[in-house]
Protein backbone atom coordinates (compact mmCIF):
# COMPACT_ATOMS: atom_id res chain seq x y z
CA MET A 1 -207.55 93.60 -57.09
CA LYS A 2 -207.44 97.51 -56.28
CA LEU A 3 -211.10 99.26 -56.44
CA TRP A 4 -209.25 101.96 -58.57
CA SER A 5 -207.03 99.81 -60.62
CA GLY A 6 -208.97 99.94 -63.97
CA ARG A 7 -205.94 102.19 -65.77
CA PHE A 8 -202.82 100.24 -64.24
CA THR A 9 -201.29 97.29 -65.75
CA LYS A 10 -199.02 96.14 -62.98
CA GLN A 11 -199.72 94.93 -59.25
CA THR A 12 -198.77 97.48 -56.79
CA ASP A 13 -195.29 97.05 -54.98
CA LYS A 14 -195.00 95.64 -51.93
CA LEU A 15 -193.21 98.53 -50.19
CA THR A 16 -195.69 101.12 -52.10
CA GLU A 17 -198.58 99.26 -50.71
CA ASP A 18 -197.27 99.15 -47.15
CA PHE A 19 -196.02 102.84 -47.61
CA ASN A 20 -199.27 104.37 -48.82
CA ALA A 21 -202.00 102.21 -46.52
CA SER A 22 -203.25 104.20 -43.45
CA ILE A 23 -205.60 101.47 -42.20
CA ALA A 24 -203.00 101.01 -39.35
CA PHE A 25 -204.57 104.15 -37.88
CA ASP A 26 -207.79 105.41 -39.59
CA SER A 27 -209.54 101.89 -38.71
CA ARG A 28 -210.31 103.67 -35.65
CA MET A 29 -212.81 105.82 -37.52
CA TYR A 30 -214.91 102.64 -38.59
CA VAL A 31 -218.08 103.64 -36.97
CA GLN A 32 -218.09 106.80 -38.34
CA ASP A 33 -216.99 105.82 -41.91
CA ILE A 34 -220.29 103.29 -41.52
CA ARG A 35 -222.43 106.22 -40.56
CA GLY A 36 -221.52 108.29 -43.46
CA SER A 37 -221.86 105.70 -45.64
CA MET A 38 -225.30 104.69 -44.26
CA ALA A 39 -226.59 108.30 -44.66
CA HIS A 40 -225.17 108.71 -48.48
CA ALA A 41 -226.63 105.43 -49.09
CA ALA A 42 -230.05 106.70 -47.67
CA MET A 43 -229.70 109.65 -49.71
CA LEU A 44 -228.87 108.06 -53.07
CA ALA A 45 -232.27 106.22 -52.58
CA LYS A 46 -234.36 109.24 -51.75
CA GLN A 47 -232.76 110.82 -54.94
CA GLY A 48 -233.67 107.89 -57.09
CA ILE A 49 -229.73 107.65 -57.89
CA ILE A 50 -230.14 103.88 -56.48
CA SER A 51 -233.32 101.63 -55.89
CA ARG A 52 -234.64 101.94 -52.75
CA GLU A 53 -234.29 97.90 -52.24
CA GLU A 54 -230.95 98.65 -53.15
CA GLY A 55 -230.72 101.16 -50.34
CA GLU A 56 -231.82 99.46 -47.83
CA ASN A 57 -229.82 96.28 -48.73
CA ILE A 58 -226.60 98.43 -48.51
CA MET A 59 -227.74 99.96 -45.01
CA ALA A 60 -228.43 96.23 -43.47
CA ALA A 61 -225.47 94.92 -44.87
CA LEU A 62 -223.44 97.67 -43.31
CA GLN A 63 -225.21 97.60 -39.82
CA GLU A 64 -223.94 93.65 -40.18
CA ILE A 65 -220.52 94.84 -40.69
CA GLN A 66 -220.34 97.16 -37.95
CA SER A 67 -221.62 94.60 -35.40
CA GLU A 68 -219.05 92.16 -37.05
CA ILE A 69 -215.95 94.17 -36.56
CA GLU A 70 -217.21 95.05 -33.34
CA ASN A 71 -217.27 91.26 -32.18
CA GLY A 72 -213.78 90.39 -33.85
CA GLN A 73 -215.23 88.85 -36.48
CA LEU A 74 -213.57 90.87 -39.45
CA GLU A 75 -210.12 91.97 -40.08
CA PHE A 76 -208.93 95.06 -41.99
CA THR A 77 -206.29 94.27 -44.65
CA VAL A 78 -203.45 96.91 -45.54
CA GLU A 79 -204.02 95.53 -49.30
CA ALA A 80 -207.47 97.40 -49.04
CA GLU A 81 -205.32 100.73 -48.12
CA ASP A 82 -207.95 102.52 -45.79
CA ILE A 83 -211.06 102.23 -43.54
CA HIS A 84 -212.95 103.30 -46.88
CA MET A 85 -212.18 100.75 -49.17
CA ASN A 86 -211.86 98.17 -46.35
CA ILE A 87 -215.55 98.96 -45.40
CA GLU A 88 -216.32 98.82 -49.02
CA THR A 89 -214.62 95.39 -49.62
CA PHE A 90 -216.54 94.07 -47.08
CA LEU A 91 -219.89 95.19 -48.57
CA THR A 92 -219.16 94.23 -52.11
CA ALA A 93 -218.07 90.61 -51.00
CA ARG A 94 -221.14 90.44 -48.82
CA ILE A 95 -224.06 91.77 -51.62
CA GLY A 96 -222.01 92.15 -54.95
CA ASP A 97 -222.72 94.71 -57.40
CA THR A 98 -225.03 96.28 -55.27
CA GLY A 99 -222.37 97.15 -52.86
CA LYS A 100 -220.20 98.84 -55.95
CA LYS A 101 -223.09 101.48 -56.14
CA LEU A 102 -222.47 102.91 -52.93
CA HIS A 103 -219.31 104.84 -53.91
CA THR A 104 -221.91 107.10 -56.71
CA ALA A 105 -221.27 110.63 -56.36
CA ARG A 106 -218.89 110.21 -53.51
CA SER A 107 -214.84 110.30 -53.51
CA ARG A 108 -212.78 109.31 -50.62
CA ASN A 109 -211.61 112.90 -50.36
CA ASP A 110 -214.70 114.22 -49.29
CA GLN A 111 -215.52 110.25 -47.44
CA VAL A 112 -212.50 111.06 -45.38
CA ALA A 113 -213.10 114.86 -44.60
CA LEU A 114 -216.37 113.60 -43.30
CA ASP A 115 -215.27 110.60 -41.21
CA ILE A 116 -212.53 113.32 -39.48
CA ARG A 117 -215.07 115.49 -38.57
CA LEU A 118 -217.52 113.36 -37.28
CA TYR A 119 -215.00 111.28 -35.44
CA LEU A 120 -213.25 114.59 -33.92
CA ASN A 121 -217.21 115.78 -32.94
CA ASP A 122 -217.53 112.30 -30.99
CA GLU A 123 -214.14 112.77 -29.28
CA ILE A 124 -214.75 116.90 -28.45
CA ILE A 125 -217.99 115.67 -26.76
CA LYS A 126 -216.01 113.15 -24.02
CA ILE A 127 -213.41 115.83 -23.90
CA ARG A 128 -215.83 118.76 -22.70
CA GLN A 129 -217.21 116.16 -20.09
CA LEU A 130 -213.91 115.36 -18.85
CA LEU A 131 -212.90 119.04 -18.61
CA LEU A 132 -216.03 119.81 -16.78
CA GLU A 133 -215.50 117.12 -14.43
CA LEU A 134 -211.97 118.74 -13.67
CA GLU A 135 -213.73 121.88 -12.98
CA GLU A 136 -216.30 120.47 -10.57
CA THR A 137 -213.46 119.24 -8.80
CA LEU A 138 -211.55 122.70 -8.48
CA LEU A 139 -215.03 124.03 -7.30
CA LYS A 140 -215.33 121.37 -4.91
CA ILE A 141 -211.81 121.89 -3.33
CA ALA A 142 -211.84 125.46 -3.64
CA GLY A 143 -215.00 125.57 -1.48
CA GLU A 144 -213.62 123.62 1.36
CA HIS A 145 -210.64 126.26 1.33
CA LEU A 146 -211.96 129.72 1.35
CA HIS A 147 -210.20 130.38 4.47
CA THR A 148 -207.05 128.52 3.96
CA VAL A 149 -204.14 131.27 3.76
CA MET A 150 -201.12 130.94 1.53
CA PRO A 151 -198.59 132.67 0.06
CA GLY A 152 -198.88 134.05 -3.46
CA TYR A 153 -195.88 134.15 -5.57
CA THR A 154 -194.24 136.34 -8.37
CA HIS A 155 -190.95 135.16 -9.83
CA MET A 156 -191.42 132.50 -7.58
CA GLN A 157 -190.92 134.69 -4.42
CA LYS A 158 -193.42 135.20 -2.14
CA ALA A 159 -195.35 138.52 -2.90
CA GLN A 160 -198.71 138.59 -0.69
CA PRO A 161 -201.29 136.18 1.07
CA ILE A 162 -203.95 135.02 -0.74
CA THR A 163 -206.20 132.02 0.01
CA LEU A 164 -205.92 128.10 -1.67
CA ALA A 165 -209.43 128.97 -3.16
CA HIS A 166 -208.22 132.08 -4.60
CA HIS A 167 -205.27 130.30 -6.23
CA LEU A 168 -207.31 127.34 -7.32
CA LEU A 169 -210.13 129.61 -9.02
CA ALA A 170 -207.31 131.07 -11.08
CA TYR A 171 -206.84 127.50 -12.92
CA PHE A 172 -210.94 127.48 -13.03
CA GLU A 173 -210.62 130.40 -15.08
CA MET A 174 -208.05 128.90 -17.23
CA PHE A 175 -210.03 125.50 -17.88
CA ARG A 176 -213.31 127.70 -18.34
CA ARG A 177 -211.51 129.52 -21.48
CA ASP A 178 -210.40 125.83 -22.87
CA VAL A 179 -213.86 125.02 -22.26
CA GLU A 180 -215.02 127.84 -24.61
CA ARG A 181 -212.30 127.40 -26.98
CA LEU A 182 -213.38 123.90 -27.27
CA ASP A 183 -216.92 124.83 -28.00
CA ASP A 184 -216.09 127.38 -30.76
CA CYS A 185 -213.63 125.16 -32.07
CA ARG A 186 -216.72 122.26 -32.62
CA LYS A 187 -218.59 125.27 -34.92
CA ARG A 188 -216.12 124.69 -37.46
CA VAL A 189 -216.09 120.99 -36.83
CA ALA A 190 -219.76 120.73 -37.71
CA ALA A 191 -219.61 121.72 -41.32
CA MET A 192 -221.00 118.63 -43.58
CA PRO A 193 -218.32 118.26 -46.44
CA LEU A 194 -220.12 115.07 -48.20
CA GLY A 195 -220.86 115.92 -51.75
CA SER A 196 -217.63 117.84 -52.42
CA GLY A 197 -216.60 114.89 -54.28
CA ALA A 198 -212.87 114.55 -55.11
CA LEU A 199 -212.91 118.33 -55.55
CA ALA A 200 -215.65 119.42 -58.18
CA ALA A 201 -218.50 117.94 -56.67
CA THR A 202 -220.84 116.23 -58.77
CA GLY A 203 -223.17 115.99 -61.63
CA PHE A 204 -225.90 113.98 -59.63
CA ASN A 205 -228.90 115.39 -58.11
CA LEU A 206 -227.64 115.12 -54.56
CA ASP A 207 -229.42 116.33 -51.39
CA ARG A 208 -226.72 117.22 -49.12
CA GLU A 209 -229.02 118.72 -46.65
CA TYR A 210 -230.68 115.53 -46.01
CA VAL A 211 -227.34 114.04 -45.12
CA ARG A 212 -226.26 116.80 -42.97
CA GLU A 213 -229.62 116.23 -41.15
CA GLN A 214 -229.09 112.53 -40.75
CA LEU A 215 -225.40 112.78 -39.52
CA GLY A 216 -226.32 115.78 -36.91
CA PHE A 217 -224.19 118.77 -38.61
CA ASP A 218 -224.86 122.31 -38.09
CA TYR A 219 -224.26 122.99 -42.12
CA ILE A 220 -222.50 122.25 -45.39
CA THR A 221 -219.40 122.92 -46.56
CA ARG A 222 -219.63 125.95 -49.24
CA ASN A 223 -217.06 125.35 -51.59
CA SER A 224 -216.32 121.52 -52.68
CA LEU A 225 -212.41 122.77 -53.20
CA ASP A 226 -212.34 123.87 -49.40
CA GLY A 227 -214.68 120.91 -48.43
CA VAL A 228 -211.94 118.29 -49.30
CA SER A 229 -208.74 120.24 -48.56
CA ASP A 230 -209.45 122.33 -45.25
CA ARG A 231 -207.99 120.88 -42.20
CA ASP A 232 -208.38 123.90 -40.20
CA PHE A 233 -210.50 122.49 -37.80
CA ALA A 234 -207.88 119.87 -37.18
CA ILE A 235 -205.23 122.57 -36.78
CA GLU A 236 -207.75 124.79 -34.28
CA PHE A 237 -208.33 121.56 -32.32
CA CYS A 238 -204.69 121.08 -31.63
CA SER A 239 -204.42 124.69 -30.95
CA PHE A 240 -207.05 124.00 -28.05
CA ALA A 241 -205.38 121.05 -26.81
CA SER A 242 -202.12 122.66 -26.86
CA ILE A 243 -203.30 125.80 -24.32
CA LEU A 244 -205.17 123.13 -22.59
CA MET A 245 -201.95 121.31 -22.15
CA MET A 246 -200.09 124.45 -21.12
CA HIS A 247 -202.62 125.27 -18.14
CA LEU A 248 -202.34 121.39 -16.89
CA SER A 249 -198.42 121.59 -17.25
CA ARG A 250 -198.64 124.80 -15.03
CA PHE A 251 -201.08 123.13 -12.53
CA SER A 252 -198.70 120.16 -12.47
CA GLU A 253 -195.48 121.89 -12.00
CA GLU A 254 -197.12 123.75 -9.14
CA ILE A 255 -198.24 120.67 -7.48
CA ILE A 256 -194.43 118.86 -7.86
CA LEU A 257 -193.41 122.02 -6.05
CA TRP A 258 -195.85 121.99 -3.64
CA ALA A 259 -195.11 118.40 -3.20
CA THR A 260 -191.27 118.78 -2.21
CA ASP A 261 -190.09 118.80 1.53
CA GLU A 262 -189.15 122.42 0.89
CA PHE A 263 -192.69 123.71 0.31
CA ALA A 264 -194.60 120.76 1.81
CA PHE A 265 -197.94 122.00 0.84
CA VAL A 266 -199.50 119.19 -0.36
CA GLN A 267 -199.33 115.30 0.19
CA LEU A 268 -199.95 113.17 -2.86
CA ASP A 269 -202.01 110.09 -2.52
CA ASP A 270 -200.09 106.98 -2.69
CA GLY A 271 -202.60 105.74 -5.75
CA PHE A 272 -201.09 108.50 -7.81
CA SER A 273 -197.38 108.47 -6.59
CA THR A 274 -194.49 106.22 -7.37
CA GLY A 275 -191.34 104.74 -5.82
CA SER A 276 -187.46 104.86 -6.73
CA SER A 277 -186.13 101.56 -7.62
CA ILE A 278 -182.89 102.18 -5.43
CA MET A 279 -184.33 104.96 -3.03
CA PRO A 280 -186.68 103.62 -0.32
CA GLN A 281 -187.61 106.88 0.94
CA LYS A 282 -188.85 108.15 -2.35
CA LYS A 283 -192.16 109.33 -3.24
CA ASN A 284 -192.38 110.99 -6.82
CA PRO A 285 -194.98 112.92 -8.27
CA ASP A 286 -194.62 111.03 -11.70
CA ILE A 287 -198.28 111.93 -12.69
CA ALA A 288 -197.88 115.35 -12.67
CA GLU A 289 -194.53 115.14 -14.47
CA LEU A 290 -195.84 113.29 -17.15
CA VAL A 291 -198.46 115.21 -17.79
CA ARG A 292 -195.99 118.40 -17.70
CA GLY A 293 -194.21 116.05 -19.97
CA LYS A 294 -197.08 115.32 -22.38
CA THR A 295 -197.84 118.83 -22.83
CA GLY A 296 -194.67 118.98 -25.44
CA ARG A 297 -195.78 116.12 -27.09
CA VAL A 298 -199.41 117.66 -28.22
CA TYR A 299 -197.22 120.89 -29.15
CA GLY A 300 -195.52 118.70 -31.58
CA ASP A 301 -198.90 117.66 -33.01
CA LEU A 302 -200.01 120.98 -33.56
CA ILE A 303 -196.67 122.20 -35.34
CA THR A 304 -197.05 118.57 -37.32
CA LEU A 305 -200.30 119.78 -38.72
CA LEU A 306 -199.59 123.46 -39.40
CA THR A 307 -196.21 122.43 -41.38
CA LEU A 308 -198.58 119.50 -43.19
CA MET A 309 -200.48 121.88 -44.45
CA LYS A 310 -198.70 125.02 -44.90
CA ALA A 311 -197.80 124.94 -48.81
CA LEU A 312 -200.47 122.88 -50.65
CA PRO A 313 -202.00 123.55 -53.63
CA LEU A 314 -205.75 123.03 -53.52
CA ALA A 315 -207.37 120.76 -53.38
CA TYR A 316 -206.44 117.30 -51.93
CA ASN A 317 -203.07 115.80 -51.52
CA LYS A 318 -201.93 112.53 -50.37
CA ASP A 319 -199.64 114.56 -47.52
CA MET A 320 -202.84 115.35 -45.67
CA GLN A 321 -203.15 111.28 -44.96
CA GLU A 322 -200.66 112.60 -42.30
CA ASP A 323 -203.28 114.78 -40.31
CA LYS A 324 -204.78 111.69 -38.43
CA GLU A 325 -201.62 110.47 -36.68
CA ALA A 326 -201.09 113.64 -35.17
CA LEU A 327 -204.88 114.44 -34.82
CA PHE A 328 -205.63 111.42 -32.76
CA ASP A 329 -202.29 111.57 -30.52
CA ALA A 330 -203.55 115.22 -29.50
CA LEU A 331 -206.93 113.45 -28.77
CA ASP A 332 -205.51 110.70 -26.99
CA THR A 333 -203.23 112.62 -25.05
CA VAL A 334 -205.52 115.07 -23.94
CA LYS A 335 -207.92 112.19 -22.62
CA LYS A 336 -205.63 110.53 -20.57
CA CYS A 337 -204.30 113.13 -18.94
CA LEU A 338 -207.60 114.62 -18.02
CA MET A 339 -208.54 111.05 -16.67
CA VAL A 340 -205.74 110.97 -14.88
CA PHE A 341 -205.01 114.69 -13.66
CA THR A 342 -209.06 114.93 -11.87
CA PRO A 343 -208.43 112.05 -9.15
CA LEU A 344 -205.03 113.15 -8.82
CA LEU A 345 -206.45 116.50 -7.38
CA GLN A 346 -209.57 114.68 -6.02
CA THR A 347 -206.87 112.47 -3.66
CA THR A 348 -204.56 115.32 -3.00
CA ARG A 349 -204.36 116.43 1.14
CA PHE A 350 -203.62 120.38 1.34
CA GLN A 351 -201.54 121.15 4.19
CA LYS A 352 -203.58 124.11 5.69
CA GLU A 353 -201.01 124.91 8.70
CA LYS A 354 -198.23 124.74 6.63
CA MET A 355 -199.56 127.29 3.65
CA ALA A 356 -200.55 129.65 6.73
CA GLN A 357 -197.07 129.50 8.02
CA GLU A 358 -195.11 130.20 4.99
CA ALA A 359 -197.80 132.83 4.22
CA ARG A 360 -196.63 134.62 7.14
CA GLY A 361 -192.86 134.70 6.11
CA GLY A 362 -191.22 136.66 3.43
CA PHE A 363 -192.65 139.99 4.12
CA THR A 364 -196.13 139.01 2.48
CA ASN A 365 -197.79 141.86 4.42
CA ALA A 366 -195.08 144.72 3.07
CA THR A 367 -197.22 145.98 0.71
CA ASP A 368 -200.31 146.40 3.04
CA LEU A 369 -198.03 148.06 5.38
CA ALA A 370 -196.97 150.69 2.58
CA ASP A 371 -201.14 150.87 1.66
CA TYR A 372 -201.44 151.47 5.52
CA LEU A 373 -199.11 154.78 5.28
CA VAL A 374 -200.84 155.92 1.96
CA GLU A 375 -203.99 155.95 3.75
CA LYS A 376 -202.69 158.09 6.55
CA GLY A 377 -201.60 160.75 3.60
CA MET A 378 -198.04 159.62 2.31
CA PRO A 379 -197.55 159.26 -1.02
CA PHE A 380 -197.05 155.74 -2.18
CA ARG A 381 -193.41 156.01 -3.43
CA ASP A 382 -192.53 157.49 -0.20
CA ALA A 383 -194.23 154.91 1.73
CA HIS A 384 -192.55 152.32 -0.72
CA ALA A 385 -189.37 153.52 0.77
CA VAL A 386 -190.43 153.61 4.09
CA VAL A 387 -191.45 149.95 3.86
CA GLY A 388 -188.34 149.09 2.51
CA GLN A 389 -186.37 150.45 5.08
CA ALA A 390 -188.68 148.56 7.93
CA VAL A 391 -187.82 145.49 5.77
CA LEU A 392 -184.30 145.93 5.77
CA TYR A 393 -184.17 146.12 9.40
CA CYS A 394 -185.91 143.08 9.86
CA LEU A 395 -183.66 141.11 7.70
CA GLU A 396 -180.48 142.51 9.76
CA ASN A 397 -182.57 141.79 12.89
CA GLN A 398 -184.13 138.19 12.06
CA GLN A 399 -187.56 139.74 12.46
CA VAL A 400 -191.23 140.07 10.74
CA LEU A 401 -192.73 143.24 10.28
CA GLU A 402 -195.41 142.34 13.40
CA GLU A 403 -192.82 142.07 15.51
CA ILE A 404 -191.60 144.99 15.42
CA ASP A 405 -192.33 147.05 18.18
CA LEU A 406 -194.19 150.50 18.24
CA GLU A 407 -191.60 152.64 19.15
CA THR A 408 -189.19 151.34 16.26
CA PHE A 409 -192.02 151.85 13.96
CA LYS A 410 -192.50 155.32 14.63
CA GLN A 411 -188.32 155.64 13.63
CA PHE A 412 -189.27 154.82 10.10
CA SER A 413 -192.55 157.15 10.18
CA SER A 414 -194.34 159.20 12.72
CA LYS A 415 -197.37 158.44 10.96
CA ILE A 416 -197.71 154.72 12.19
CA ASP A 417 -199.73 153.91 14.92
CA ALA A 418 -200.87 151.10 17.20
CA ASP A 419 -203.14 150.26 14.63
CA VAL A 420 -200.89 149.26 12.56
CA TYR A 421 -200.60 145.91 13.73
CA GLN A 422 -203.93 145.17 12.70
CA ASN A 423 -203.37 145.90 9.13
CA LEU A 424 -200.03 143.34 9.39
CA ASP A 425 -202.38 140.81 10.45
CA ILE A 426 -202.20 138.05 7.39
CA ALA A 427 -205.80 137.32 7.62
CA ASN A 428 -206.92 140.81 7.74
CA CYS A 429 -204.38 141.74 4.72
CA VAL A 430 -206.63 139.28 2.53
CA ALA A 431 -209.99 139.39 4.11
CA LYS A 432 -209.74 143.43 3.02
CA ARG A 433 -209.19 142.86 -0.84
CA GLN A 434 -212.51 142.40 -1.28
CA ILE A 435 -212.81 144.34 -4.83
CA PRO A 436 -214.29 141.93 -7.82
CA GLY A 437 -211.43 139.50 -8.63
CA GLY A 438 -209.79 139.85 -5.36
CA PRO A 439 -209.01 136.77 -2.95
CA ALA A 440 -210.74 138.05 0.24
CA PRO A 441 -213.37 135.18 1.36
CA GLN A 442 -216.33 137.18 1.05
CA THR A 443 -215.34 137.68 -2.48
CA VAL A 444 -214.21 134.47 -3.48
CA SER A 445 -217.33 133.03 -2.09
CA ARG A 446 -219.33 135.20 -4.66
CA ALA A 447 -216.86 133.96 -7.60
CA LEU A 448 -217.36 130.37 -6.33
CA ALA A 449 -221.31 131.24 -6.87
CA GLU A 450 -220.92 132.54 -10.41
CA ALA A 451 -218.30 129.48 -11.27
CA ALA A 452 -221.08 127.11 -10.08
CA ALA A 453 -223.39 128.68 -12.21
CA TRP A 454 -221.82 129.00 -15.19
CA LEU A 455 -220.45 124.97 -14.70
CA LYS A 456 -224.36 124.02 -14.42
CA GLU A 457 -225.00 125.79 -17.43
CA MET A 458 -222.51 124.04 -19.40
CA GLN A 459 -223.28 120.47 -18.25
CA ASN A 460 -226.85 121.61 -19.29
CA ALA A 461 -225.68 122.93 -22.88
CA HIS A 462 -225.26 119.25 -24.55
CA LYS A 463 -227.89 117.41 -22.83
């Protein structure tokens, strides 16, 4: 018999029962459901709504139930619909009428809102740690490549020389913003909704602050209608997850490109690559490709939640049962991607010589030649035209700028002297870009120190 079956005269149709049940996916919240129920029972006893002995019996039985679930001694059923009613069914079977008192002054509406917030908060802590481990890996690798020169690109065309350290720190900044977004999202997750009831709170004298303190929330929800119908925090998490996956996808795309023969900037570890079933020579960057592919999946989870909530009247609607599968999928996908991407990066070998060789091609020092002429007093637009002519000359004669002899250089501009070659040296082109945010090793070294200090602060923030 259903726990809500009092006003019904027929058994639930089997199709309805299967369609309505959520236990197949919300069972993962059993720990959070039991935590919330224990806090609620303790508060009911404190307020004299149930006796102290009843509260103790409920909490002891709930602890036993959790232990037996973890040991595989209890099985959830579709007949009990969801995790909340499964736990309550176990409890009532164990301690009888006392177990039936647990749901006093509580609805499944505020109960599920509580469980999702507790579960998401626990998962955010894990994801945050994985993100910080990725940031730590980036700093380590960047520190090893302060002087590894490589070409920087715009429009996928060689643009100007930079260093690998500078390039990696660009991703460090992306993931830094992701950590900050996640911390900010957690502020909205940290609202305690229990006590909202079905939608209109309750006439019982509950102590919501007591429950909040037991469960570690920062504050209680301020409106009972919003308390049961808000899923902004889940949408916000999926928004964070989508942006994070976009960053991982961009990084993956570069790794995939760099692993090609055409680039040959990296050698991927055999442990994080796969082969072909037909082509014996192949070493495929499947991990990076899967991370790139799973990004679309997380985008879909975000769109699912936005679409789910876009036209729902207050307060709770059964549509909202669909929130958990999208949220759980985003959580699982992000965790798996971070767990595999960090060791992929840790084991990747960067081909410094190849990067340096490619930095010397593609006229990446052309802007430096223009800047050289500007320093000699030429307007930048005129300098731009002069260098364009010099590049055209090189293309026609299969040379690079630093191979042009001085006499020929002077045909382009009389302002060019022998010191031009020092300005065209690729290492010097990088080294002189010392302003904050630039790629000069001296500047990047300071950026590394600042990033390391921030990382340490973040690692200590929630200890």
